PDB file of N, CA and C in Angstrom:
ATOM      1  N   UNK A   1       0.839  -1.174   0.000  1.00  0.00           N
ATOM      2  CA  UNK A   1       0.000   0.000   0.000  1.00  0.00           C
ATOM      3  C   UNK A   1       0.886   1.241   0.000  1.00  0.00           C
ATOM      4  N   UNK A   2       0.363   2.281  -0.587  1.00  0.00           N
ATOM      5  CA  UNK A   2       1.100   3.527  -0.661  1.00  0.00           C
ATOM      6  C   UNK A   2       0.334   4.616   0.079  1.00  0.00           C
ATOM      7  N   UNK A   3       1.072   5.533   0.680  1.00  0.00           N
ATOM      8  CA  UNK A   3       0.475   6.677   1.348  1.00  0.00           C
ATOM      9  C   UNK A   3       1.086   7.954   0.809  1.00  0.00           C
ATOM     10  N   UNK A   4       0.428   9.063   1.045  1.00  0.00           N
ATOM     11  CA  UNK A   4       0.945  10.360   0.633  1.00  0.00           C
ATOM     12  C   UNK A   4       1.344  11.152   1.863  1.00  0.00           C
ATOM     13  N   UNK A   5       2.496  11.786   1.785  1.00  0.00           N
ATOM     14  CA  UNK A   5       2.988  12.625   2.863  1.00  0.00           C
ATOM     15  C   UNK A   5       3.565  13.882   2.240  1.00  0.00           C
ATOM     16  N   UNK A   6       2.872  14.984   2.397  1.00  0.00           N
ATOM     17  CA  UNK A   6       3.301  16.263   1.816  1.00  0.00           C
ATOM     18  C   UNK A   6       3.545  16.146   0.316  1.00  0.00           C
ATOM     19  N   UNK A   7       2.685  15.393  -0.366  1.00  0.00           N
ATOM     20  CA  UNK A   7       2.788  15.239  -1.810  1.00  0.00           C
ATOM     21  C   UNK A   7       3.753  14.157  -2.268  1.00  0.00           C
ATOM     22  N   UNK A   8       4.484  13.546  -1.346  1.00  0.00           N
ATOM     23  CA  UNK A   8       5.427  12.473  -1.698  1.00  0.00           C
ATOM     24  C   UNK A   8       4.770  11.120  -1.427  1.00  0.00           C
ATOM     25  N   UNK A   9       5.012  10.168  -2.326  1.00  0.00           N
ATOM     26  CA  UNK A   9       4.474   8.820  -2.172  1.00  0.00           C
ATOM     27  C   UNK A   9       5.380   8.024  -1.226  1.00  0.00           C
ATOM     28  N   UNK A  10       4.771   7.352  -0.262  1.00  0.00           N
ATOM     29  CA  UNK A  10       5.504   6.532   0.711  1.00  0.00           C
ATOM     30  C   UNK A  10       5.022   5.095   0.562  1.00  0.00           C
ATOM     31  N   UNK A  11       5.960   4.154   0.321  1.00  0.00           N
ATOM     32  CA  UNK A  11       5.628   2.739   0.205  1.00  0.00           C
ATOM     33  C   UNK A  11       5.491   2.163   1.608  1.00  0.00           C
ATOM     34  N   UNK A  12       4.262   1.981   2.057  1.00  0.00           N
ATOM     35  CA  UNK A  12       4.006   1.541   3.424  1.00  0.00           C
ATOM     36  C   UNK A  12       4.325   0.068   3.646  1.00  0.00           C
ATOM     37  N   UNK A  13       4.581  -0.673   2.579  1.00  0.00           N
ATOM     38  CA  UNK A  13       4.901  -2.090   2.710  1.00  0.00           C
ATOM     39  C   UNK A  13       6.367  -2.322   3.060  1.00  0.00           C
ATOM     40  N   UNK A  14       7.147  -1.248   3.116  1.00  0.00           N
ATOM     41  CA  UNK A  14       8.565  -1.379   3.438  1.00  0.00           C
ATOM     42  C   UNK A  14       8.882  -0.630   4.724  1.00  0.00           C
ATOM     43  N   UNK A  15       9.962  -1.044   5.384  1.00  0.00           N
ATOM     44  CA  UNK A  15      10.434  -0.328   6.570  1.00  0.00           C
ATOM     45  C   UNK A  15      10.871   1.060   6.123  1.00  0.00           C
ATOM     46  N   UNK A  16      10.447   2.064   6.870  1.00  0.00           N
ATOM     47  CA  UNK A  16      10.809   3.447   6.580  1.00  0.00           C
ATOM     48  C   UNK A  16      11.855   3.906   7.597  1.00  0.00           C
ATOM     49  N   UNK A  17      12.867   4.619   7.119  1.00  0.00           N
ATOM     50  CA  UNK A  17      13.917   5.148   7.982  1.00  0.00           C
ATOM     51  C   UNK A  17      13.810   6.662   7.974  1.00  0.00           C
ATOM     52  N   UNK A  18      13.699   7.259   9.158  1.00  0.00           N
ATOM     53  CA  UNK A  18      13.618   8.714   9.283  1.00  0.00           C
ATOM     54  C   UNK A  18      15.022   9.307   9.293  1.00  0.00           C
ATOM     55  N   UNK A  19      15.099  10.610   9.123  1.00  0.00           N
ATOM     56  CA  UNK A  19      16.382  11.312   9.085  1.00  0.00           C
ATOM     57  C   UNK A  19      17.184  11.091  10.369  1.00  0.00           C
ATOM     58  N   UNK A  20      16.501  10.973  11.508  1.00  0.00           N
ATOM     59  CA  UNK A  20      17.216  10.777  12.776  1.00  0.00           C
ATOM     60  C   UNK A  20      17.687   9.335  12.982  1.00  0.00           C
ATOM     61  N   UNK A  21      17.433   8.458  11.998  1.00  0.00           N
ATOM     62  CA  UNK A  21      17.887   7.073  12.086  1.00  0.00           C
ATOM     63  C   UNK A  21      16.873   6.111  12.673  1.00  0.00           C
ATOM     64  N   UNK A  22      15.712   6.614  13.091  1.00  0.00           N
ATOM     65  CA  UNK A  22      14.696   5.723  13.642  1.00  0.00           C
ATOM     66  C   UNK A  22      14.023   4.938  12.514  1.00  0.00           C
ATOM     67  N   UNK A  23      13.626   3.695  12.815  1.00  0.00           N
ATOM     68  CA  UNK A  23      12.999   2.793  11.837  1.00  0.00           C
ATOM     69  C   UNK A  23      11.529   2.663  12.175  1.00  0.00           C
ATOM     70  N   UNK A  24      10.658   2.708  11.134  1.00  0.00           N
ATOM     71  CA  UNK A  24       9.220   2.688  11.305  1.00  0.00           C
ATOM     72  C   UNK A  24       8.586   1.696  10.346  1.00  0.00           C
ATOM     73  N   UNK A  25       7.545   1.016  10.807  1.00  0.00           N
ATOM     74  CA  UNK A  25       6.818   0.050   9.987  1.00  0.00           C
ATOM     75  C   UNK A  25       5.327   0.312  10.147  1.00  0.00           C
ATOM     76  N   UNK A  26       4.597   0.266   9.030  1.00  0.00           N
ATOM     77  CA  UNK A  26       3.153   0.500   9.061  1.00  0.00           C
ATOM     78  C   UNK A  26       2.467  -0.619   9.821  1.00  0.00           C
ATOM     79  N   UNK A  27       1.533  -0.269  10.674  1.00  0.00           N
ATOM     80  CA  UNK A  27       0.801  -1.256  11.483  1.00  0.00           C
ATOM     81  C   UNK A  27      -0.403  -1.837  10.742  1.00  0.00           C
ATOM     82  N   UNK A  28      -0.636  -1.405   9.506  1.00  0.00           N
ATOM     83  CA  UNK A  28      -1.803  -1.802   8.701  1.00  0.00           C
ATOM     84  C   UNK A  28      -3.090  -1.196   9.250  1.00  0.00           C
ATOM     85  N   UNK A  29      -2.953  -0.152  10.044  1.00  0.00           N
ATOM     86  CA  UNK A  29      -4.102   0.557  10.588  1.00  0.00           C
ATOM     87  C   UNK A  29      -3.993   2.033  10.252  1.00  0.00           C
ATOM     88  N   UNK A  30      -5.137   2.730  10.281  1.00  0.00           N
ATOM     89  CA  UNK A  30      -5.180   4.162  10.012  1.00  0.00           C
ATOM     90  C   UNK A  30      -5.678   4.902  11.249  1.00  0.00           C
ATOM     91  N   UNK A  31      -5.231   6.124  11.419  1.00  0.00           N
ATOM     92  CA  UNK A  31      -5.711   6.967  12.512  1.00  0.00           C
ATOM     93  C   UNK A  31      -7.126   7.437  12.186  1.00  0.00           C
ATOM     94  N   UNK A  32      -7.762   8.106  13.124  1.00  0.00           N
ATOM     95  CA  UNK A  32      -9.104   8.650  12.896  1.00  0.00           C
ATOM     96  C   UNK A  32      -9.102   9.655  11.745  1.00  0.00           C
ATOM     97  N   UNK A  33      -7.973  10.313  11.514  1.00  0.00           N
ATOM     98  CA  UNK A  33      -7.843  11.287  10.430  1.00  0.00           C
ATOM     99  C   UNK A  33      -7.508  10.619   9.095  1.00  0.00           C
ATOM    100  N   UNK A  34      -7.311   9.288   9.108  1.00  0.00           N
ATOM    101  CA  UNK A  34      -7.000   8.558   7.880  1.00  0.00           C
ATOM    102  C   UNK A  34      -5.529   8.441   7.579  1.00  0.00           C
ATOM    103  N   UNK A  35      -4.666   8.832   8.528  1.00  0.00           N
ATOM    104  CA  UNK A  35      -3.219   8.726   8.327  1.00  0.00           C
ATOM    105  C   UNK A  35      -2.725   7.339   8.738  1.00  0.00           C
ATOM    106  N   UNK A  36      -1.742   6.793   8.007  1.00  0.00           N
ATOM    107  CA  UNK A  36      -1.183   5.493   8.388  1.00  0.00           C
ATOM    108  C   UNK A  36      -0.545   5.562   9.780  1.00  0.00           C
ATOM    109  N   UNK A  37      -0.803   4.554  10.593  1.00  0.00           N
ATOM    110  CA  UNK A  37      -0.159   4.471  11.906  1.00  0.00           C
ATOM    111  C   UNK A  37       1.134   3.680  11.768  1.00  0.00           C
ATOM    112  N   UNK A  38       2.217   4.278  12.226  1.00  0.00           N
ATOM    113  CA  UNK A  38       3.544   3.697  12.093  1.00  0.00           C
ATOM    114  C   UNK A  38       4.064   3.298  13.468  1.00  0.00           C
ATOM    115  N   UNK A  39       4.677   2.106  13.547  1.00  0.00           N
ATOM    116  CA  UNK A  39       5.259   1.642  14.800  1.00  0.00           C
ATOM    117  C   UNK A  39       6.769   1.708  14.687  1.00  0.00           C
ATOM    118  N   UNK A  40       7.390   2.270  15.703  1.00  0.00           N
ATOM    119  CA  UNK A  40       8.858   2.350  15.720  1.00  0.00           C
ATOM    120  C   UNK A  40       9.410   0.977  16.071  1.00  0.00           C
ATOM    121  N   UNK A  41      10.333   0.484  15.232  1.00  0.00           N
ATOM    122  CA  UNK A  41      10.805  -0.893  15.410  1.00  0.00           C
ATOM    123  C   UNK A  41      12.291  -0.980  15.721  1.00  0.00           C
ATOM    124  N   UNK A  42      12.985   0.159  15.872  1.00  0.00           N
ATOM    125  CA  UNK A  42      14.396   0.073  16.239  1.00  0.00           C
ATOM    126  C   UNK A  42      14.509  -0.123  17.754  1.00  0.00           C
ATOM    127  N   UNK A  43      15.710  -0.355  18.231  1.00  0.00           N
ATOM    128  CA  UNK A  43      15.918  -0.682  19.644  1.00  0.00           C
ATOM    129  C   UNK A  43      15.530   0.443  20.597  1.00  0.00           C
ATOM    130  N   UNK A  44      15.619   1.699  20.160  1.00  0.00           N
ATOM    131  CA  UNK A  44      15.317   2.832  21.030  1.00  0.00           C
ATOM    132  C   UNK A  44      13.839   3.187  21.071  1.00  0.00           C
ATOM    133  N   UNK A  45      13.031   2.575  20.218  1.00  0.00           N
ATOM    134  CA  UNK A  45      11.648   3.001  20.045  1.00  0.00           C
ATOM    135  C   UNK A  45      10.647   2.475  21.032  1.00  0.00           C
ATOM    136  N   UNK A  46      10.870   1.327  21.609  1.00  0.00           N
ATOM    137  CA  UNK A  46       9.944   0.721  22.565  1.00  0.00           C
ATOM    138  C   UNK A  46       8.539   0.561  21.992  1.00  0.00           C
ATOM    139  N   UNK A  47       8.410   0.327  20.679  1.00  0.00           N
ATOM    140  CA  UNK A  47       7.115   0.055  20.083  1.00  0.00           C
ATOM    141  C   UNK A  47       6.198   1.251  19.954  1.00  0.00           C
ATOM    142  N   UNK A  48       6.740   2.457  20.016  1.00  0.00           N
ATOM    143  CA  UNK A  48       5.938   3.678  19.909  1.00  0.00           C
ATOM    144  C   UNK A  48       5.139   3.676  18.609  1.00  0.00           C
ATOM    145  N   UNK A  49       3.848   4.049  18.663  1.00  0.00           N
ATOM    146  CA  UNK A  49       2.982   4.107  17.480  1.00  0.00           C
ATOM    147  C   UNK A  49       2.535   5.552  17.278  1.00  0.00           C
ATOM    148  N   UNK A  50       2.799   6.076  16.070  1.00  0.00           N
ATOM    149  CA  UNK A  50       2.440   7.452  15.730  1.00  0.00           C
ATOM    150  C   UNK A  50       1.904   7.515  14.308  1.00  0.00           C
ATOM    151  N   UNK A  51       1.040   8.498  14.020  1.00  0.00           N
ATOM    152  CA  UNK A  51       0.632   8.711  12.629  1.00  0.00           C
ATOM    153  C   UNK A  51       1.825   9.167  11.789  1.00  0.00           C
ATOM    154  N   UNK A  52       1.824   8.812  10.514  1.00  0.00           N
ATOM    155  CA  UNK A  52       2.937   9.128   9.635  1.00  0.00           C
ATOM    156  C   UNK A  52       3.310  10.606   9.623  1.00  0.00           C
ATOM    157  N   UNK A  53       2.353  11.552   9.560  1.00  0.00           N
ATOM    158  CA  UNK A  53       2.752  12.965   9.579  1.00  0.00           C
ATOM    159  C   UNK A  53       3.463  13.375  10.870  1.00  0.00           C
ATOM    160  N   UNK A  54       3.086  12.776  11.992  1.00  0.00           N
ATOM    161  CA  UNK A  54       3.738  13.078  13.266  1.00  0.00           C
ATOM    162  C   UNK A  54       5.165  12.529  13.259  1.00  0.00           C
ATOM    163  N   UNK A  55       5.350  11.338  12.686  1.00  0.00           N
ATOM    164  CA  UNK A  55       6.696  10.768  12.548  1.00  0.00           C
ATOM    165  C   UNK A  55       7.566  11.718  11.736  1.00  0.00           C
ATOM    166  N   UNK A  56       7.042  12.195  10.626  1.00  0.00           N
ATOM    167  CA  UNK A  56       7.804  13.076   9.748  1.00  0.00           C
ATOM    168  C   UNK A  56       8.163  14.390  10.436  1.00  0.00           C
ATOM    169  N   UNK A  57       7.215  14.974  11.162  1.00  0.00           N
ATOM    170  CA  UNK A  57       7.491  16.242  11.855  1.00  0.00           C
ATOM    171  C   UNK A  57       8.479  16.067  13.003  1.00  0.00           C
ATOM    172  N   UNK A  58       8.368  14.976  13.725  1.00  0.00           N
ATOM    173  CA  UNK A  58       9.196  14.782  14.911  1.00  0.00           C
ATOM    174  C   UNK A  58      10.544  14.133  14.661  1.00  0.00           C
ATOM    175  N   UNK A  59      10.639  13.320  13.606  1.00  0.00           N
ATOM    176  CA  UNK A  59      11.861  12.551  13.373  1.00  0.00           C
ATOM    177  C   UNK A  59      12.516  12.864  12.033  1.00  0.00           C
ATOM    178  N   UNK A  60      11.854  13.660  11.224  1.00  0.00           N
ATOM    179  CA  UNK A  60      12.375  14.026   9.909  1.00  0.00           C
ATOM    180  C   UNK A  60      11.730  13.186   8.825  1.00  0.00           C
ATOM    181  N   UNK A  61      11.926  13.604   7.575  1.00  0.00           N
ATOM    182  CA  UNK A  61      11.344  12.859   6.452  1.00  0.00           C
ATOM    183  C   UNK A  61      11.768  11.389   6.478  1.00  0.00           C
ATOM    184  N   UNK A  62      10.912  10.539   5.914  1.00  0.00           N
ATOM    185  CA  UNK A  62      11.191   9.106   5.884  1.00  0.00           C
ATOM    186  C   UNK A  62      11.467   8.650   4.458  1.00  0.00           C
ATOM    187  N   UNK A  63      12.239   7.583   4.350  1.00  0.00           N
ATOM    188  CA  UNK A  63      12.526   6.943   3.059  1.00  0.00           C
ATOM    189  C   UNK A  63      12.587   5.446   3.297  1.00  0.00           C
ATOM    190  N   UNK A  64      12.218   4.684   2.275  1.00  0.00           N
ATOM    191  CA  UNK A  64      12.227   3.224   2.399  1.00  0.00           C
ATOM    192  C   UNK A  64      13.654   2.726   2.637  1.00  0.00           C
ATOM    193  N   UNK A  65      13.775   1.732   3.504  1.00  0.00           N
ATOM    194  CA  UNK A  65      15.059   1.091   3.777  1.00  0.00           C
ATOM    195  C   UNK A  65      15.538   0.422   2.505  1.00  0.00           C
ATOM    196  N   UNK A  66      16.749   0.678   2.114  1.00  0.00           N
ATOM    197  CA  UNK A  66      17.278   0.105   0.878  1.00  0.00           C
ATOM    198  C   UNK A  66      17.482  -1.389   1.045  1.00  0.00           C
ATOM    199  N   UNK A  67      17.030  -2.113   0.059  1.00  0.00           N
ATOM    200  CA  UNK A  67      17.163  -3.566   0.054  1.00  0.00           C
ATOM    201  C   UNK A  67      18.339  -3.943  -0.847  1.00  0.00           C
ATOM    202  N   UNK A  68      19.162  -4.896  -0.445  1.00  0.00           N
ATOM    203  CA  UNK A  68      20.257  -5.321  -1.319  1.00  0.00           C
ATOM    204  C   UNK A  68      19.712  -5.970  -2.586  1.00  0.00           C
ATOM    205  N   UNK A  69      20.403  -5.751  -3.675  1.00  0.00           N
ATOM    206  CA  UNK A  69      20.005  -6.345  -4.947  1.00  0.00           C
ATOM    207  C   UNK A  69      20.353  -7.820  -4.940  1.00  0.00           C
ATOM    208  N   UNK A  70      19.383  -8.667  -5.273  1.00  0.00           N
ATOM    209  CA  UNK A  70      19.594 -10.110  -5.264  1.00  0.00           C
ATOM    210  C   UNK A  70      19.884 -10.613  -6.678  1.00  0.00           C
ATOM    211  N   UNK A  71      20.373 -11.816  -6.764  1.00  0.00           N
ATOM    212  CA  UNK A  71      20.629 -12.438  -8.065  1.00  0.00           C
ATOM    213  C   UNK A  71      19.329 -12.561  -8.861  1.00  0.00           C
ATOM    214  N   UNK A  72      18.236 -12.847  -8.182  1.00  0.00           N
ATOM    215  CA  UNK A  72      16.946 -12.973  -8.858  1.00  0.00           C
ATOM    216  C   UNK A  72      16.532 -11.640  -9.494  1.00  0.00           C
ATOM    217  N   UNK A  73      16.835 -10.542  -8.830  1.00  0.00           N
ATOM    218  CA  UNK A  73      16.516  -9.229  -9.393  1.00  0.00           C
ATOM    219  C   UNK A  73      17.337  -8.966 -10.654  1.00  0.00           C
ATOM    220  N   UNK A  74      18.637  -9.267 -10.592  1.00  0.00           N
ATOM    221  CA  UNK A  74      19.484  -9.097 -11.776  1.00  0.00           C
ATOM    222  C   UNK A  74      18.964  -9.957 -12.924  1.00  0.00           C
ATOM    223  N   UNK A  75      18.619 -11.198 -12.621  1.00  0.00           N
ATOM    224  CA  UNK A  75      18.117 -12.113 -13.654  1.00  0.00           C
ATOM    225  C   UNK A  75      16.836 -11.578 -14.294  1.00  0.00           C
ATOM    226  N   UNK A  76      15.940 -11.061 -13.471  1.00  0.00           N
ATOM    227  CA  UNK A  76      14.678 -10.520 -13.978  1.00  0.00           C
ATOM    228  C   UNK A  76      14.928  -9.342 -14.919  1.00  0.00           C
ATOM    229  N   UNK A  77      15.846  -8.470 -14.587  1.00  0.00           N
ATOM    230  CA  UNK A  77      16.169  -7.326 -15.439  1.00  0.00           C
ATOM    231  C   UNK A  77      16.798  -7.791 -16.744  1.00  0.00           C
ATOM    232  N   UNK A  78      17.709  -8.746 -16.668  1.00  0.00           N
ATOM    233  CA  UNK A  78      18.380  -9.218 -17.889  1.00  0.00           C
ATOM    234  C   UNK A  78      17.413  -9.960 -18.788  1.00  0.00           C
ATOM    235  N   UNK A  79      16.481 -10.717 -18.227  1.00  0.00           N
ATOM    236  CA  UNK A  79      15.510 -11.441 -19.040  1.00  0.00           C
ATOM    237  C   UNK A  79      14.527 -10.485 -19.703  1.00  0.00           C
ATOM    238  N   UNK A  80      14.250  -9.373 -19.062  1.00  0.00           N
ATOM    239  CA  UNK A  80      13.312  -8.394 -19.616  1.00  0.00           C
ATOM    240  C   UNK A  80      13.945  -7.564 -20.738  1.00  0.00           C
ATOM    241  N   UNK A  81      15.262  -7.528 -20.780  1.00  0.00           N
ATOM    242  CA  UNK A  81      15.952  -6.693 -21.792  1.00  0.00           C
ATOM    243  C   UNK A  81      15.930  -7.328 -23.165  1.00  0.00           C
TER     244      UNK A  81
END
C-alpha cells in the first residue's frame, strides 16, 4: 500500500527510515484522520505508534530502507531486456 505525505508517495509495505535514524513500519491501521499508523521498530523506540505525519514532523522525512540487490533481481532485469 502507498500513502501520501506532503505530496510524496511513501511505500508503506517497506520499513521506513527517518532522518534521525529511527525505523518505522506501518501497522496496517489508520488513525481517525485517515493517516497510516507507524510503529517504531528500532531498539530505542519501545514500540511507539504514531501517525505518519507526526513521525515526519518529529523525526524528519522518511525513506524506504534500501534492500540489497539479489541475483533474482538481476536475472529478472536481464531477461526483460
